[in-house]
C-alpha atoms as a PDB file:
ATOM      1  CA  MET A   1     115.451-222.026 -14.604  1.00  0.00           C
ATOM      2  CA  LYS A   2     116.536-218.411 -14.388  1.00  0.00           C
ATOM      3  CA  HIS A   3     113.997-215.705 -13.609  1.00  0.00           C
ATOM      4  CA  LYS A   4     113.963-214.285 -17.145  1.00  0.00           C
ATOM      5  CA  GLN A   5     113.548-217.740 -18.652  1.00  0.00           C
ATOM      6  CA  GLN A   6     110.684-218.496 -16.279  1.00  0.00           C
ATOM      7  CA  ILE A   7     108.877-215.335 -17.350  1.00  0.00           C
ATOM      8  CA  GLN A   8     109.385-216.175 -21.030  1.00  0.00           C
ATOM      9  CA  PHE A   9     108.107-219.726 -20.421  1.00  0.00           C
ATOM     10  CA  ILE A  10     104.973-218.484 -18.649  1.00  0.00           C
ATOM     11  CA  ALA A  11     104.322-215.867 -21.347  1.00  0.00           C
ATOM     12  CA  HIS A  12     104.691-218.476 -24.091  1.00  0.00           C
ATOM     13  CA  LYS A  13     102.384-220.977 -22.368  1.00  0.00           C
ATOM     14  CA  ALA A  14      99.775-218.316 -21.612  1.00  0.00           C
ATOM     15  CA  GLY A  15      99.996-216.815 -25.096  1.00  0.00           C
ATOM     16  CA  ILE A  16     100.688-213.347 -23.758  1.00  0.00           C
ATOM     17  CA  GLN A  17     103.570-210.910 -23.879  1.00  0.00           C
ATOM     18  CA  PHE A  18     104.946-209.137 -20.814  1.00  0.00           C
ATOM     19  CA  LYS A  19     106.238-205.617 -21.029  1.00  0.00           C
ATOM     20  CA  THR A  20     109.144-204.688 -18.768  1.00  0.00           C
ATOM     21  CA  ILE A  21     108.894-201.223 -17.290  1.00  0.00           C
ATOM     22  CA  GLY A  22     111.140-199.349 -14.923  1.00  0.00           C
ATOM     23  CA  ILE A  23     110.470-198.170 -11.415  1.00  0.00           C
ATOM     24  CA  PRO A  24     107.863-195.370 -11.398  1.00  0.00           C
ATOM     25  CA  GLN A  25     109.348-191.930 -10.900  1.00  0.00           C
ATOM     26  CA  PRO A  26     107.927-189.680  -8.160  1.00  0.00           C
ATOM     27  CA  ALA A  27     106.225-187.381 -10.681  1.00  0.00           C
ATOM     28  CA  GLU A  28     104.382-190.367 -12.176  1.00  0.00           C
ATOM     29  CA  VAL A  29     103.249-191.512  -8.737  1.00  0.00           C
ATOM     30  CA  ILE A  30     101.982-188.032  -7.846  1.00  0.00           C
ATOM     31  CA  LYS A  31     100.037-187.780 -11.119  1.00  0.00           C
ATOM     32  CA  ALA A  32      98.402-191.165 -10.506  1.00  0.00           C
ATOM     33  CA  VAL A  33      97.477-190.303  -6.914  1.00  0.00           C
ATOM     34  CA  SER A  34      96.092-186.930  -8.041  1.00  0.00           C
ATOM     35  CA  ARG A  35      93.870-188.649 -10.586  1.00  0.00           C
ATOM     36  CA  ASP A  36      92.573-190.900  -7.806  1.00  0.00           C
ATOM     37  CA  CYS A  37      91.792-187.776  -5.757  1.00  0.00           C
ATOM     38  CA  ILE A  38      89.737-186.428  -8.651  1.00  0.00           C
ATOM     39  CA  LYS A  39      87.785-189.701  -8.812  1.00  0.00           C
ATOM     40  CA  GLN A  40      87.035-189.421  -5.092  1.00  0.00           C
ATOM     41  CA  LEU A  41      85.785-185.852  -5.552  1.00  0.00           C
ATOM     42  CA  LYS A  42      82.990-187.171  -7.752  1.00  0.00           C
ATOM     43  CA  SER A  43      81.359-188.606  -4.621  1.00  0.00           C
ATOM     44  CA  VAL A  44      80.995-185.183  -2.953  1.00  0.00           C
ATOM     45  CA  ASN A  45      77.360-184.132  -2.701  1.00  0.00           C
ATOM     46  CA  ASP A  46      76.692-180.675  -4.187  1.00  0.00           C
ATOM     47  CA  ASP A  47      74.487-179.829  -1.200  1.00  0.00           C
ATOM     48  CA  VAL A  48      77.531-179.606   1.121  1.00  0.00           C
ATOM     49  CA  LEU A  49      79.544-177.267  -1.091  1.00  0.00           C
ATOM     50  CA  PRO A  50      78.023-174.021   0.224  1.00  0.00           C
ATOM     51  CA  LEU A  51      79.412-174.914   3.660  1.00  0.00           C
ATOM     52  CA  PHE A  52      82.896-174.293   2.260  1.00  0.00           C
ATOM     53  CA  ASP A  53      82.285-170.924   0.563  1.00  0.00           C
ATOM     54  CA  ASP A  54      83.938-168.789   3.249  1.00  0.00           C
ATOM     55  CA  VAL A  55      86.958-171.037   3.707  1.00  0.00           C
ATOM     56  CA  ALA A  56      87.437-171.373  -0.056  1.00  0.00           C
ATOM     57  CA  ASP A  57      87.383-167.585  -0.411  1.00  0.00           C
ATOM     58  CA  GLU A  58      89.897-167.313   2.439  1.00  0.00           C
ATOM     59  CA  LEU A  59      92.235-169.852   0.821  1.00  0.00           C
ATOM     60  CA  ILE A  60      92.078-168.070  -2.528  1.00  0.00           C
ATOM     61  CA  ALA A  61      92.776-164.733  -0.822  1.00  0.00           C
ATOM     62  CA  LEU A  62      95.786-166.232   0.978  1.00  0.00           C
ATOM     63  CA  GLN A  63      97.187-167.228  -2.410  1.00  0.00           C
ATOM     64  CA  ASP A  64      96.839-163.719  -3.871  1.00  0.00           C
ATOM     65  CA  LYS A  65      93.592-164.721  -5.605  1.00  0.00           C
ATOM     66  CA  ASP A  66      95.419-167.484  -7.530  1.00  0.00           C
ATOM     67  CA  ILE A  67      92.651-170.082  -7.877  1.00  0.00           C
ATOM     68  CA  ARG A  68      94.883-172.545  -9.716  1.00  0.00           C
ATOM     69  CA  LYS A  69      97.505-172.492  -6.933  1.00  0.00           C
ATOM     70  CA  SER A  70      94.774-172.925  -4.328  1.00  0.00           C
ATOM     71  CA  LEU A  71      93.486-175.999  -6.148  1.00  0.00           C
ATOM     72  CA  LYS A  72      96.996-177.423  -6.501  1.00  0.00           C
ATOM     73  CA  LEU A  73      97.577-176.947  -2.766  1.00  0.00           C
ATOM     74  CA  CYS A  74      94.413-178.904  -2.009  1.00  0.00           C
ATOM     75  CA  LEU A  75      95.341-181.727  -4.405  1.00  0.00           C
ATOM     76  CA  ALA A  76      98.866-181.928  -2.983  1.00  0.00           C
ATOM     77  CA  TYR A  77      97.492-182.214   0.534  1.00  0.00           C
ATOM     78  CA  MET A  78      94.830-184.759  -0.442  1.00  0.00           C
ATOM     79  CA  SER A  79      97.387-186.912  -2.245  1.00  0.00           C
ATOM     80  CA  GLY A  80      99.747-186.945   0.733  1.00  0.00           C
ATOM     81  CA  CYS A  81     102.547-185.508  -1.410  1.00  0.00           C
ATOM     82  CA  HIS A  82     102.839-182.193   0.377  1.00  0.00           C
ATOM     83  CA  LYS A  83     105.702-182.421   2.883  1.00  0.00           C
ATOM     84  CA  GLN A  84     108.651-182.192   0.476  1.00  0.00           C
ATOM     85  CA  ALA A  85     109.567-182.644  -3.158  1.00  0.00           C
ATOM     86  CA  LEU A  86     110.191-186.272  -4.015  1.00  0.00           C
ATOM     87  CA  ALA A  87     113.656-187.213  -5.246  1.00  0.00           C
ATOM     88  CA  ALA A  88     114.186-188.900  -8.597  1.00  0.00           C
ATOM     89  CA  ARG A  89     115.087-192.598  -8.451  1.00  0.00           C
ATOM     90  CA  SER A  90     117.308-194.832 -10.522  1.00  0.00           C
ATOM     91  CA  ILE A  91     115.219-196.942 -12.899  1.00  0.00           C
ATOM     92  CA  LEU A  92     117.494-199.934 -12.300  1.00  0.00           C
ATOM     93  CA  ASP A  93     117.396-200.307  -8.539  1.00  0.00           C
ATOM     94  CA  GLY A  94     115.164-197.512  -7.241  1.00  0.00           C
ATOM     95  CA  LYS A  95     117.884-195.697  -5.280  1.00  0.00           C
ATOM     96  CA  GLU A  96     117.077-192.055  -4.593  1.00  0.00           C
ATOM     97  CA  ASN A  97     119.135-189.321  -6.282  1.00  0.00           C
ATOM     98  CA  PHE A  98     120.794-191.788  -8.666  1.00  0.00           C
ATOM     99  CA  VAL A  99     120.451-191.557 -12.425  1.00  0.00           C
ATOM    100  CA  THR A 100     120.662-194.459 -14.868  1.00  0.00           C
ATOM    101  CA  PHE A 101     122.546-193.890 -18.118  1.00  0.00           C
END
């Protein structure tokens, strides 16, 4: 049985329907990882926050008082997506810098 036929057979027997999706693009991965970072931030105890007042002020000052950019820098670093921009990938085979038409 071919792969596609096997999937259809399993879906029919299980009474479910599979949805085929393409390879996730880098922007989608970064958004998902960033949301996970936000979930992790919920575990930070408010009592430790004052320890970061001076450094937070310093970071904001380094970014010309741009609080939003400071926050984005922190999220980028926490997510591990901070070294370079990620290249788009083909949705057919996942090759970088290829586009599917």
